[in-house]
Amino acid sequence: MNKYLRRMSILLVFVLLISLIGCSGKGETKTIKIATKPMTEQFILGEMIALLIEADTDITVEMTKGVGGGTSNIHPAIIKGDFDLYPEYTGTAWSFVLKEKGIPDDETLYKELTKKYESEYNLKWVGLYGFNNTYGLVVRKEIADKYNIKTYSDLAKYSKDLVFGAEYDFFEREDGFNALTKTYGLDFKKTVDLDIGLKYNAINSKEIDVMNIFTTDGQLAISDVTVLVDDKDFYQTYYCGTVVRMDALEKYPELEAVLMKMDNIITDSEMSALNNKVEADGMNEKNLAREFLIEKGLLEK
């Protein structure tokens, strides 16, 4: 009887060892957690990143879209480890996260920004997508063509005959209407407060001649306007790129090369067109992201 029990005990231990070896052979599931801000272009970018990661690696992506509060909630969460990466803007990182006051040239800003993110937060910027979603001005195309208006300084020469429209907040912001007009010597015939959702209707119907915009607004792609050059660099730049936890890059060294495929692949006008396809045409963000990456040769059909 004792001999039988010993045999059963040995057999049980053997079975347990085999089970443990089997489990360890399967390994831990590789997972990357992506967050995005509550913006159309962030949804599209998140899908692009996820598609590339899952196509080129054996890493599974968990996506959290539209985190309320954007940077104010995502940045603390990524430091804690709730997320591994997210798309961020250089201007937001510099002024809001790092709380820097002066705005150096783009090259210096990015160099200092990346250095501080690594040393202070253990976060790394991996590439910039290429587009700059900053504030801007547009003028109706027929007016721009008639007077050859290409820059904000050009606009100043003819502003006394033009109507300017913007949402209420723009007239109140520190870097808004008053600072802008003072910098460029703009003096409009009339200004109009507009609901942010009605601005494009107003300029397309010729109720206004000039208005403020974001340079990747979806409706820019279908509006008959000219985006002017900020020739005195009044507005801070907001180039978008991927912010990643450095321990995620150490854990999955294959990740950085994949993320760098997003480097400099999207222009302002392309991002605007992509936003419009979602907002106006109702395209699915993931399908649109896949189409774009295939077009760029980064995904197979």
C-alpha atoms as a PDB file:
ATOM      1  CA  MET A   1       0.000   0.000   0.000  1.00  0.00           C
ATOM      2  CA  ASN A   2       2.801   2.447   0.870  1.00  0.00           C
ATOM      3  CA  LYS A   3       4.572   1.539  -2.363  1.00  0.00           C
ATOM      4  CA  TYR A   4       1.370   2.305  -4.276  1.00  0.00           C
ATOM      5  CA  LEU A   5       0.986   5.708  -2.565  1.00  0.00           C
ATOM      6  CA  ARG A   6       4.607   6.568  -3.333  1.00  0.00           C
ATOM      7  CA  ARG A   7       4.069   5.745  -7.000  1.00  0.00           C
ATOM      8  CA  MET A   8       0.912   7.863  -7.105  1.00  0.00           C
ATOM      9  CA  SER A   9       2.732  10.767  -5.437  1.00  0.00           C
ATOM     10  CA  ILE A  10       5.599  10.569  -7.941  1.00  0.00           C
ATOM     11  CA  LEU A  11       3.107  10.423 -10.809  1.00  0.00           C
ATOM     12  CA  LEU A  12       1.217  13.444  -9.462  1.00  0.00           C
ATOM     13  CA  VAL A  13       4.421  15.478  -9.112  1.00  0.00           C
ATOM     14  CA  PHE A  14       5.405  14.488 -12.669  1.00  0.00           C
ATOM     15  CA  VAL A  15       2.014  15.613 -14.038  1.00  0.00           C
ATOM     16  CA  LEU A  16       2.283  18.949 -12.201  1.00  0.00           C
ATOM     17  CA  LEU A  17       5.791  19.544 -13.570  1.00  0.00           C
ATOM     18  CA  ILE A  18       4.641  18.836 -17.124  1.00  0.00           C
ATOM     19  CA  SER A  19       1.741  21.254 -16.660  1.00  0.00           C
ATOM     20  CA  LEU A  20       4.036  23.994 -15.362  1.00  0.00           C
ATOM     21  CA  ILE A  21       6.498  23.479 -18.211  1.00  0.00           C
ATOM     22  CA  GLY A  22       3.602  23.641 -20.692  1.00  0.00           C
ATOM     23  CA  CYS A  23       2.343  26.906 -19.202  1.00  0.00           C
ATOM     24  CA  SER A  24       5.767  28.515 -19.172  1.00  0.00           C
ATOM     25  CA  GLY A  25       6.290  27.472 -22.785  1.00  0.00           C
ATOM     26  CA  LYS A  26       3.272  29.454 -23.876  1.00  0.00           C
ATOM     27  CA  GLY A  27       4.736  32.634 -22.352  1.00  0.00           C
ATOM     28  CA  GLU A  28       3.012  35.806 -21.303  1.00  0.00           C
ATOM     29  CA  THR A  29       0.784  37.520 -23.880  1.00  0.00           C
ATOM     30  CA  LYS A  30       2.500  40.568 -25.318  1.00  0.00           C
ATOM     31  CA  THR A  31       0.247  43.602 -24.932  1.00  0.00           C
ATOM     32  CA  ILE A  32       0.596  47.314 -25.641  1.00  0.00           C
ATOM     33  CA  LYS A  33      -1.989  49.777 -24.335  1.00  0.00           C
ATOM     34  CA  ILE A  34      -2.666  52.793 -26.565  1.00  0.00           C
ATOM     35  CA  ALA A  35      -4.610  55.897 -25.515  1.00  0.00           C
ATOM     36  CA  THR A  36      -5.947  58.735 -27.675  1.00  0.00           C
ATOM     37  CA  LYS A  37      -7.446  62.135 -27.004  1.00  0.00           C
ATOM     38  CA  PRO A  38     -11.122  62.772 -27.880  1.00  0.00           C
ATOM     39  CA  MET A  39     -10.401  64.062 -31.410  1.00  0.00           C
ATOM     40  CA  THR A  40     -11.072  62.584 -34.847  1.00  0.00           C
ATOM     41  CA  GLU A  41      -7.456  62.745 -35.962  1.00  0.00           C
ATOM     42  CA  GLN A  42      -6.310  61.052 -32.754  1.00  0.00           C
ATOM     43  CA  PHE A  43      -8.721  58.182 -33.387  1.00  0.00           C
ATOM     44  CA  ILE A  44      -7.296  57.769 -36.895  1.00  0.00           C
ATOM     45  CA  LEU A  45      -3.687  57.950 -35.685  1.00  0.00           C
ATOM     46  CA  GLY A  46      -4.365  55.440 -32.918  1.00  0.00           C
ATOM     47  CA  GLU A  47      -5.750  53.002 -35.486  1.00  0.00           C
ATOM     48  CA  MET A  48      -2.707  53.489 -37.732  1.00  0.00           C
ATOM     49  CA  ILE A  49      -0.323  52.747 -34.875  1.00  0.00           C
ATOM     50  CA  ALA A  50      -2.333  49.701 -33.804  1.00  0.00           C
ATOM     51  CA  LEU A  51      -2.484  48.309 -37.349  1.00  0.00           C
ATOM     52  CA  LEU A  52       1.270  48.628 -37.826  1.00  0.00           C
ATOM     53  CA  ILE A  53       2.093  47.047 -34.468  1.00  0.00           C
ATOM     54  CA  GLU A  54      -0.195  44.069 -35.018  1.00  0.00           C
ATOM     55  CA  ALA A  55       0.942  43.621 -38.635  1.00  0.00           C
ATOM     56  CA  ASP A  56       4.679  43.714 -37.909  1.00  0.00           C
ATOM     57  CA  THR A  57       4.895  42.098 -34.462  1.00  0.00           C
ATOM     58  CA  ASP A  58       3.176  39.471 -32.309  1.00  0.00           C
ATOM     59  CA  ILE A  59       2.097  42.203 -29.869  1.00  0.00           C
ATOM     60  CA  THR A  60      -1.624  42.601 -29.139  1.00  0.00           C
ATOM     61  CA  VAL A  61      -2.969  46.148 -28.913  1.00  0.00           C
ATOM     62  CA  GLU A  62      -5.496  47.386 -26.375  1.00  0.00           C
ATOM     63  CA  MET A  63      -6.951  50.739 -27.444  1.00  0.00           C
ATOM     64  CA  THR A  64      -8.644  53.339 -25.242  1.00  0.00           C
ATOM     65  CA  LYS A  65     -10.083  56.026 -27.511  1.00  0.00           C
ATOM     66  CA  GLY A  66     -11.172  59.500 -26.519  1.00  0.00           C
ATOM     67  CA  VAL A  67      -9.790  59.814 -22.988  1.00  0.00           C
ATOM     68  CA  GLY A  68     -11.629  62.768 -21.441  1.00  0.00           C
ATOM     69  CA  GLY A  69      -9.422  65.734 -20.650  1.00  0.00           C
ATOM     70  CA  GLY A  70      -6.817  64.662 -23.196  1.00  0.00           C
ATOM     71  CA  THR A  71      -3.267  65.344 -22.052  1.00  0.00           C
ATOM     72  CA  SER A  72      -4.323  66.375 -18.540  1.00  0.00           C
ATOM     73  CA  ASN A  73      -5.498  62.811 -17.863  1.00  0.00           C
ATOM     74  CA  ILE A  74      -3.424  60.749 -20.292  1.00  0.00           C
ATOM     75  CA  HIS A  75      -0.030  62.102 -19.193  1.00  0.00           C
ATOM     76  CA  PRO A  76      -0.438  61.133 -15.498  1.00  0.00           C
ATOM     77  CA  ALA A  77      -1.913  57.789 -16.557  1.00  0.00           C
ATOM     78  CA  ILE A  78       0.983  56.897 -18.849  1.00  0.00           C
ATOM     79  CA  ILE A  79       3.475  57.758 -16.106  1.00  0.00           C
ATOM     80  CA  LYS A  80       1.609  55.386 -13.769  1.00  0.00           C
ATOM     81  CA  GLY A  81       1.666  52.654 -16.417  1.00  0.00           C
ATOM     82  CA  ASP A  82      -2.048  52.634 -17.240  1.00  0.00           C
ATOM     83  CA  PHE A  83      -1.085  53.250 -20.885  1.00  0.00           C
ATOM     84  CA  ASP A  84       2.071  52.529 -22.877  1.00  0.00           C
ATOM     85  CA  LEU A  85       1.864  55.107 -25.653  1.00  0.00           C
ATOM     86  CA  TYR A  86      -0.264  57.845 -27.196  1.00  0.00           C
ATOM     87  CA  PRO A  87      -0.094  60.546 -29.900  1.00  0.00           C
ATOM     88  CA  GLU A  88       0.894  63.947 -28.483  1.00  0.00           C
ATOM     89  CA  TYR A  89       1.630  67.438 -29.815  1.00  0.00           C
ATOM     90  CA  THR A  90       4.942  69.234 -29.301  1.00  0.00           C
ATOM     91  CA  GLY A  91       3.319  72.557 -28.375  1.00  0.00           C
ATOM     92  CA  THR A  92       1.084  70.906 -25.782  1.00  0.00           C
ATOM     93  CA  ALA A  93       3.992  68.979 -24.297  1.00  0.00           C
ATOM     94  CA  TRP A  94       6.198  72.064 -24.118  1.00  0.00           C
ATOM     95  CA  SER A  95       3.719  74.556 -22.695  1.00  0.00           C
ATOM     96  CA  PHE A  96       1.191  72.396 -20.823  1.00  0.00           C
ATOM     97  CA  VAL A  97       3.215  69.417 -19.561  1.00  0.00           C
ATOM     98  CA  LEU A  98       6.654  70.978 -19.075  1.00  0.00           C
ATOM     99  CA  LYS A  99       5.168  74.439 -18.418  1.00  0.00           C
ATOM    100  CA  GLU A 100       7.939  76.156 -20.349  1.00  0.00           C
ATOM    101  CA  LYS A 101       7.328  79.853 -21.034  1.00  0.00           C
ATOM    102  CA  GLY A 102       9.613  80.775 -23.919  1.00  0.00           C
ATOM    103  CA  ILE A 103       9.116  79.193 -27.343  1.00  0.00           C
ATOM    104  CA  PRO A 104      12.421  78.449 -29.140  1.00  0.00           C
ATOM    105  CA  ASP A 105      12.752  77.386 -32.776  1.00  0.00           C
ATOM    106  CA  ASP A 106      11.275  73.977 -33.667  1.00  0.00           C
ATOM    107  CA  GLU A 107      14.592  72.121 -33.709  1.00  0.00           C
ATOM    108  CA  THR A 108      15.698  73.426 -30.300  1.00  0.00           C
ATOM    109  CA  LEU A 109      12.254  72.878 -28.789  1.00  0.00           C
ATOM    110  CA  TYR A 110      12.096  69.242 -29.925  1.00  0.00           C
ATOM    111  CA  LYS A 111      15.630  68.542 -28.720  1.00  0.00           C
ATOM    112  CA  GLU A 112      14.930  69.991 -25.268  1.00  0.00           C
ATOM    113  CA  LEU A 113      11.469  68.437 -25.146  1.00  0.00           C
ATOM    114  CA  THR A 114      12.676  64.901 -25.820  1.00  0.00           C
ATOM    115  CA  LYS A 115      15.540  65.247 -23.342  1.00  0.00           C
ATOM    116  CA  LYS A 116      13.253  66.428 -20.540  1.00  0.00           C
ATOM    117  CA  TYR A 117      10.614  63.783 -21.233  1.00  0.00           C
ATOM    118  CA  GLU A 118      13.223  61.052 -20.891  1.00  0.00           C
ATOM    119  CA  SER A 119      14.925  62.440 -17.778  1.00  0.00           C
ATOM    120  CA  GLU A 120      11.803  63.608 -15.920  1.00  0.00           C
ATOM    121  CA  TYR A 121       9.123  61.117 -16.977  1.00  0.00           C
ATOM    122  CA  ASN A 122      10.938  58.102 -18.454  1.00  0.00           C
ATOM    123  CA  LEU A 123       8.998  58.716 -21.678  1.00  0.00           C
ATOM    124  CA  LYS A 124      10.411  58.772 -25.193  1.00  0.00           C
ATOM    125  CA  TRP A 125       9.217  60.621 -28.303  1.00  0.00           C
ATOM    126  CA  VAL A 126       9.499  58.210 -31.228  1.00  0.00           C
ATOM    127  CA  GLY A 127       9.216  60.153 -34.484  1.00  0.00           C
ATOM    128  CA  LEU A 128       6.899  62.935 -35.657  1.00  0.00           C
ATOM    129  CA  TYR A 129       4.128  62.182 -38.153  1.00  0.00           C
ATOM    130  CA  GLY A 130       4.806  65.271 -40.261  1.00  0.00           C
ATOM    131  CA  PHE A 131       1.727  67.457 -39.847  1.00  0.00           C
ATOM    132  CA  ASN A 132       1.426  70.537 -37.653  1.00  0.00           C
ATOM    133  CA  ASN A 133      -2.030  70.977 -36.111  1.00  0.00           C
ATOM    134  CA  THR A 134      -1.700  74.556 -34.985  1.00  0.00           C
ATOM    135  CA  TYR A 135      -3.830  77.682 -35.103  1.00  0.00           C
ATOM    136  CA  GLY A 136      -4.029  79.482 -38.402  1.00  0.00           C
ATOM    137  CA  LEU A 137      -5.870  81.968 -40.599  1.00  0.00           C
ATOM    138  CA  VAL A 138      -7.674  81.447 -43.883  1.00  0.00           C
ATOM    139  CA  VAL A 139      -9.076  83.910 -46.376  1.00  0.00           C
ATOM    140  CA  ARG A 140     -11.643  83.216 -49.078  1.00  0.00           C
ATOM    141  CA  LYS A 141      -9.740  81.935 -52.124  1.00  0.00           C
ATOM    142  CA  GLU A 142     -11.185  84.469 -54.547  1.00  0.00           C
ATOM    143  CA  ILE A 143      -9.893  87.298 -52.321  1.00  0.00           C
ATOM    144  CA  ALA A 144      -6.495  85.647 -51.851  1.00  0.00           C
ATOM    145  CA  ASP A 145      -6.150  85.183 -55.613  1.00  0.00           C
ATOM    146  CA  LYS A 146      -7.344  88.721 -56.433  1.00  0.00           C
ATOM    147  CA  TYR A 147      -4.852  90.458 -54.114  1.00  0.00           C
ATOM    148  CA  ASN A 148      -2.136  87.770 -54.080  1.00  0.00           C
ATOM    149  CA  ILE A 149      -2.499  87.270 -50.331  1.00  0.00           C
ATOM    150  CA  LYS A 150      -0.239  84.455 -49.148  1.00  0.00           C
ATOM    151  CA  THR A 151       0.929  85.514 -45.675  1.00  0.00           C
ATOM    152  CA  TYR A 152      -0.467  87.230 -42.591  1.00  0.00           C
ATOM    153  CA  SER A 153       1.614  90.265 -43.516  1.00  0.00           C
ATOM    154  CA  ASP A 154       0.019  90.329 -46.968  1.00  0.00           C
ATOM    155  CA  LEU A 155      -3.389  90.196 -45.305  1.00  0.00           C
ATOM    156  CA  ALA A 156      -2.599  93.330 -43.270  1.00  0.00           C
ATOM    157  CA  LYS A 157      -2.498  95.414 -46.449  1.00  0.00           C
ATOM    158  CA  TYR A 158      -6.131  94.600 -47.250  1.00  0.00           C
ATOM    159  CA  SER A 159      -7.672  93.850 -43.837  1.00  0.00           C
ATOM    160  CA  LYS A 160      -9.489  97.222 -43.628  1.00  0.00           C
ATOM    161  CA  ASP A 161     -11.824  96.007 -46.389  1.00  0.00           C
ATOM    162  CA  LEU A 162     -12.440  92.522 -44.964  1.00  0.00           C
ATOM    163  CA  VAL A 163     -14.725  90.919 -42.354  1.00  0.00           C
ATOM    164  CA  PHE A 164     -13.121  88.641 -39.758  1.00  0.00           C
ATOM    165  CA  GLY A 165     -14.988  85.850 -37.986  1.00  0.00           C
ATOM    166  CA  ALA A 166     -14.072  83.639 -35.018  1.00  0.00           C
ATOM    167  CA  GLU A 167     -15.604  81.863 -32.033  1.00  0.00           C
ATOM    168  CA  TYR A 168     -16.039  83.977 -28.883  1.00  0.00           C
ATOM    169  CA  ASP A 169     -13.060  82.382 -27.085  1.00  0.00           C
ATOM    170  CA  PHE A 170     -10.641  83.541 -29.768  1.00  0.00           C
ATOM    171  CA  PHE A 171     -11.443  87.158 -29.022  1.00  0.00           C
ATOM    172  CA  GLU A 172     -10.771  86.572 -25.304  1.00  0.00           C
ATOM    173  CA  ARG A 173      -7.620  84.417 -25.368  1.00  0.00           C
ATOM    174  CA  GLU A 174      -4.250  85.898 -24.482  1.00  0.00           C
ATOM    175  CA  ASP A 175      -2.822  84.602 -27.775  1.00  0.00           C
ATOM    176  CA  GLY A 176      -6.023  85.418 -29.646  1.00  0.00           C
ATOM    177  CA  PHE A 177      -7.400  88.305 -31.669  1.00  0.00           C
ATOM    178  CA  ASN A 178      -5.825  91.300 -29.903  1.00  0.00           C
ATOM    179  CA  ALA A 179      -2.312  89.871 -29.813  1.00  0.00           C
ATOM    180  CA  LEU A 180      -2.571  88.661 -33.397  1.00  0.00           C
ATOM    181  CA  THR A 181      -3.785  91.982 -34.806  1.00  0.00           C
ATOM    182  CA  LYS A 182      -1.136  93.889 -32.865  1.00  0.00           C
ATOM    183  CA  THR A 183       1.680  91.642 -34.133  1.00  0.00           C
ATOM    184  CA  TYR A 184       0.682  91.939 -37.781  1.00  0.00           C
ATOM    185  CA  GLY A 185      -0.985  95.344 -37.871  1.00  0.00           C
ATOM    186  CA  LEU A 186      -4.361  93.896 -38.850  1.00  0.00           C
ATOM    187  CA  ASP A 187      -7.336  96.256 -38.784  1.00  0.00           C
ATOM    188  CA  PHE A 188     -10.511  94.575 -40.049  1.00  0.00           C
ATOM    189  CA  LYS A 189     -13.582  96.404 -41.304  1.00  0.00           C
ATOM    190  CA  LYS A 190     -15.749  94.284 -39.008  1.00  0.00           C
ATOM    191  CA  THR A 191     -15.471  91.317 -36.629  1.00  0.00           C
ATOM    192  CA  VAL A 192     -18.133  88.655 -36.094  1.00  0.00           C
ATOM    193  CA  ASP A 193     -18.595  86.233 -33.180  1.00  0.00           C
ATOM    194  CA  LEU A 194     -19.495  82.791 -34.519  1.00  0.00           C
ATOM    195  CA  ASP A 195     -20.369  79.414 -33.069  1.00  0.00           C
ATOM    196  CA  ILE A 196     -17.372  77.163 -33.695  1.00  0.00           C
ATOM    197  CA  GLY A 197     -19.540  74.746 -35.675  1.00  0.00           C
ATOM    198  CA  LEU A 198     -20.793  77.469 -38.026  1.00  0.00           C
ATOM    199  CA  LYS A 199     -17.524  79.118 -39.049  1.00  0.00           C
ATOM    200  CA  TYR A 200     -17.045  77.170 -42.268  1.00  0.00           C
ATOM    201  CA  ASN A 201     -20.655  77.764 -43.294  1.00  0.00           C
ATOM    202  CA  ALA A 202     -20.097  81.478 -42.762  1.00  0.00           C
ATOM    203  CA  ILE A 203     -16.985  81.721 -44.914  1.00  0.00           C
ATOM    204  CA  ASN A 204     -18.354  79.419 -47.618  1.00  0.00           C
ATOM    205  CA  SER A 205     -21.490  81.567 -47.847  1.00  0.00           C
ATOM    206  CA  LYS A 206     -19.353  84.766 -47.947  1.00  0.00           C
ATOM    207  CA  GLU A 207     -20.718  86.159 -44.673  1.00  0.00           C
ATOM    208  CA  ILE A 208     -17.109  86.595 -43.579  1.00  0.00           C
ATOM    209  CA  ASP A 209     -13.852  86.898 -45.518  1.00  0.00           C
ATOM    210  CA  VAL A 210     -11.227  85.761 -43.009  1.00  0.00           C
ATOM    211  CA  MET A 211     -11.343  83.382 -40.022  1.00  0.00           C
ATOM    212  CA  ASN A 212      -9.188  81.451 -37.586  1.00  0.00           C
ATOM    213  CA  ILE A 213      -8.811  77.683 -38.007  1.00  0.00           C
ATOM    214  CA  PHE A 214      -6.860  74.647 -36.909  1.00  0.00           C
ATOM    215  CA  THR A 215      -4.557  73.636 -39.730  1.00  0.00           C
ATOM    216  CA  THR A 216      -5.873  70.059 -39.922  1.00  0.00           C
ATOM    217  CA  ASP A 217      -9.599  70.900 -39.703  1.00  0.00           C
ATOM    218  CA  GLY A 218     -11.551  68.357 -41.716  1.00  0.00           C
ATOM    219  CA  GLN A 219     -13.619  70.995 -43.493  1.00  0.00           C
ATOM    220  CA  LEU A 220     -10.489  72.685 -44.837  1.00  0.00           C
ATOM    221  CA  ALA A 221     -10.317  69.864 -47.370  1.00  0.00           C
ATOM    222  CA  ILE A 222     -13.629  70.878 -48.955  1.00  0.00           C
ATOM    223  CA  SER A 223     -13.710  74.653 -48.410  1.00  0.00           C
ATOM    224  CA  ASP A 224     -12.760  77.239 -51.032  1.00  0.00           C
ATOM    225  CA  VAL A 225     -10.215  79.017 -48.845  1.00  0.00           C
ATOM    226  CA  THR A 226      -6.489  79.730 -48.789  1.00  0.00           C
ATOM    227  CA  VAL A 227      -4.464  78.894 -45.666  1.00  0.00           C
ATOM    228  CA  LEU A 228      -2.093  81.782 -45.008  1.00  0.00           C
ATOM    229  CA  VAL A 229       1.538  81.549 -43.919  1.00  0.00           C
ATOM    230  CA  ASP A 230       2.276  82.763 -40.384  1.00  0.00           C
ATOM    231  CA  ASP A 231       5.401  84.624 -41.574  1.00  0.00           C
ATOM    232  CA  LYS A 232       6.302  86.018 -38.136  1.00  0.00           C
ATOM    233  CA  ASP A 233       5.758  82.666 -36.380  1.00  0.00           C
ATOM    234  CA  PHE A 234       3.097  84.103 -34.094  1.00  0.00           C
ATOM    235  CA  TYR A 235       1.588  80.708 -33.315  1.00  0.00           C
ATOM    236  CA  GLN A 236       3.380  77.916 -31.548  1.00  0.00           C
ATOM    237  CA  THR A 237       3.839  74.752 -33.598  1.00  0.00           C
ATOM    238  CA  TYR A 238       1.996  71.557 -32.662  1.00  0.00           C
ATOM    239  CA  TYR A 239       3.704  68.712 -34.482  1.00  0.00           C
ATOM    240  CA  CYS A 240       2.264  65.340 -33.556  1.00  0.00           C
ATOM    241  CA  GLY A 241       4.300  62.260 -32.625  1.00  0.00           C
ATOM    242  CA  THR A 242       4.245  59.136 -30.482  1.00  0.00           C
ATOM    243  CA  VAL A 243       5.084  59.310 -26.778  1.00  0.00           C
ATOM    244  CA  VAL A 244       6.050  55.904 -25.369  1.00  0.00           C
ATOM    245  CA  ARG A 245       7.011  54.541 -21.972  1.00  0.00           C
ATOM    246  CA  MET A 246      10.717  53.664 -22.077  1.00  0.00           C
ATOM    247  CA  ASP A 247      10.131  50.447 -20.177  1.00  0.00           C
ATOM    248  CA  ALA A 248       7.717  49.364 -22.942  1.00  0.00           C
ATOM    249  CA  LEU A 249      10.488  49.924 -25.508  1.00  0.00           C
ATOM    250  CA  GLU A 250      12.893  47.918 -23.334  1.00  0.00           C
ATOM    251  CA  LYS A 251      10.366  45.120 -22.931  1.00  0.00           C
ATOM    252  CA  TYR A 252       9.518  45.044 -26.647  1.00  0.00           C
ATOM    253  CA  PRO A 253      12.619  46.274 -28.521  1.00  0.00           C
ATOM    254  CA  GLU A 254      10.920  45.582 -31.862  1.00  0.00           C
ATOM    255  CA  LEU A 255       8.367  48.318 -31.113  1.00  0.00           C
ATOM    256  CA  GLU A 256      10.516  51.373 -31.870  1.00  0.00           C
ATOM    257  CA  ALA A 257      11.222  50.414 -35.502  1.00  0.00           C
ATOM    258  CA  VAL A 258       7.513  49.877 -36.089  1.00  0.00           C
ATOM    259  CA  LEU A 259       6.574  53.253 -34.609  1.00  0.00           C
ATOM    260  CA  MET A 260       9.238  54.982 -36.718  1.00  0.00           C
ATOM    261  CA  LYS A 261       7.318  53.913 -39.819  1.00  0.00           C
ATOM    262  CA  MET A 262       4.912  56.724 -38.904  1.00  0.00           C
ATOM    263  CA  ASP A 263       7.720  59.292 -39.072  1.00  0.00           C
ATOM    264  CA  ASN A 264       6.960  62.116 -41.520  1.00  0.00           C
ATOM    265  CA  ILE A 265       4.234  60.268 -43.462  1.00  0.00           C
ATOM    266  CA  ILE A 266       1.301  62.730 -43.130  1.00  0.00           C
ATOM    267  CA  THR A 267       1.082  66.320 -44.387  1.00  0.00           C
ATOM    268  CA  ASP A 268      -1.296  68.962 -43.004  1.00  0.00           C
ATOM    269  CA  SER A 269      -3.556  68.628 -46.062  1.00  0.00           C
ATOM    270  CA  GLU A 270      -3.572  64.821 -45.857  1.00  0.00           C
ATOM    271  CA  MET A 271      -4.552  64.928 -42.179  1.00  0.00           C
ATOM    272  CA  SER A 272      -7.290  67.417 -42.986  1.00  0.00           C
ATOM    273  CA  ALA A 273      -8.631  65.149 -45.749  1.00  0.00           C
ATOM    274  CA  LEU A 274      -8.562  62.114 -43.459  1.00  0.00           C
ATOM    275  CA  ASN A 275     -10.454  64.018 -40.752  1.00  0.00           C
ATOM    276  CA  ASN A 276     -13.046  65.101 -43.285  1.00  0.00           C
ATOM    277  CA  LYS A 277     -13.626  61.546 -44.525  1.00  0.00           C
ATOM    278  CA  VAL A 278     -14.593  60.538 -40.996  1.00  0.00           C
ATOM    279  CA  GLU A 279     -16.483  63.673 -39.979  1.00  0.00           C
ATOM    280  CA  ALA A 280     -18.307  64.427 -43.238  1.00  0.00           C
ATOM    281  CA  ASP A 281     -18.402  61.102 -45.063  1.00  0.00           C
ATOM    282  CA  GLY A 282     -18.825  58.864 -42.034  1.00  0.00           C
ATOM    283  CA  MET A 283     -15.930  56.528 -42.876  1.00  0.00           C
ATOM    284  CA  ASN A 284     -14.833  54.006 -40.291  1.00  0.00           C
ATOM    285  CA  GLU A 285     -11.584  55.199 -38.681  1.00  0.00           C
ATOM    286  CA  LYS A 286      -9.880  51.801 -38.778  1.00  0.00           C
ATOM    287  CA  ASN A 287     -10.772  51.173 -42.423  1.00  0.00           C
ATOM    288  CA  LEU A 288      -9.576  54.647 -43.354  1.00  0.00           C
ATOM    289  CA  ALA A 289      -6.320  54.163 -41.442  1.00  0.00           C
ATOM    290  CA  ARG A 290      -5.746  50.840 -43.225  1.00  0.00           C
ATOM    291  CA  GLU A 291      -6.374  52.402 -46.650  1.00  0.00           C
ATOM    292  CA  PHE A 292      -3.913  55.205 -45.931  1.00  0.00           C
ATOM    293  CA  LEU A 293      -1.166  52.849 -44.735  1.00  0.00           C
ATOM    294  CA  ILE A 294      -1.648  50.624 -47.788  1.00  0.00           C
ATOM    295  CA  GLU A 295      -1.407  53.692 -50.026  1.00  0.00           C
ATOM    296  CA  LYS A 296       1.863  54.624 -48.298  1.00  0.00           C
ATOM    297  CA  GLY A 297       3.213  51.104 -48.792  1.00  0.00           C
ATOM    298  CA  LEU A 298       3.317  50.350 -45.058  1.00  0.00           C
ATOM    299  CA  LEU A 299       0.645  47.637 -45.082  1.00  0.00           C
ATOM    300  CA  GLU A 300      -0.191  44.923 -47.576  1.00  0.00           C
ATOM    301  CA  LYS A 301      -3.662  44.773 -49.100  1.00  0.00           C
END
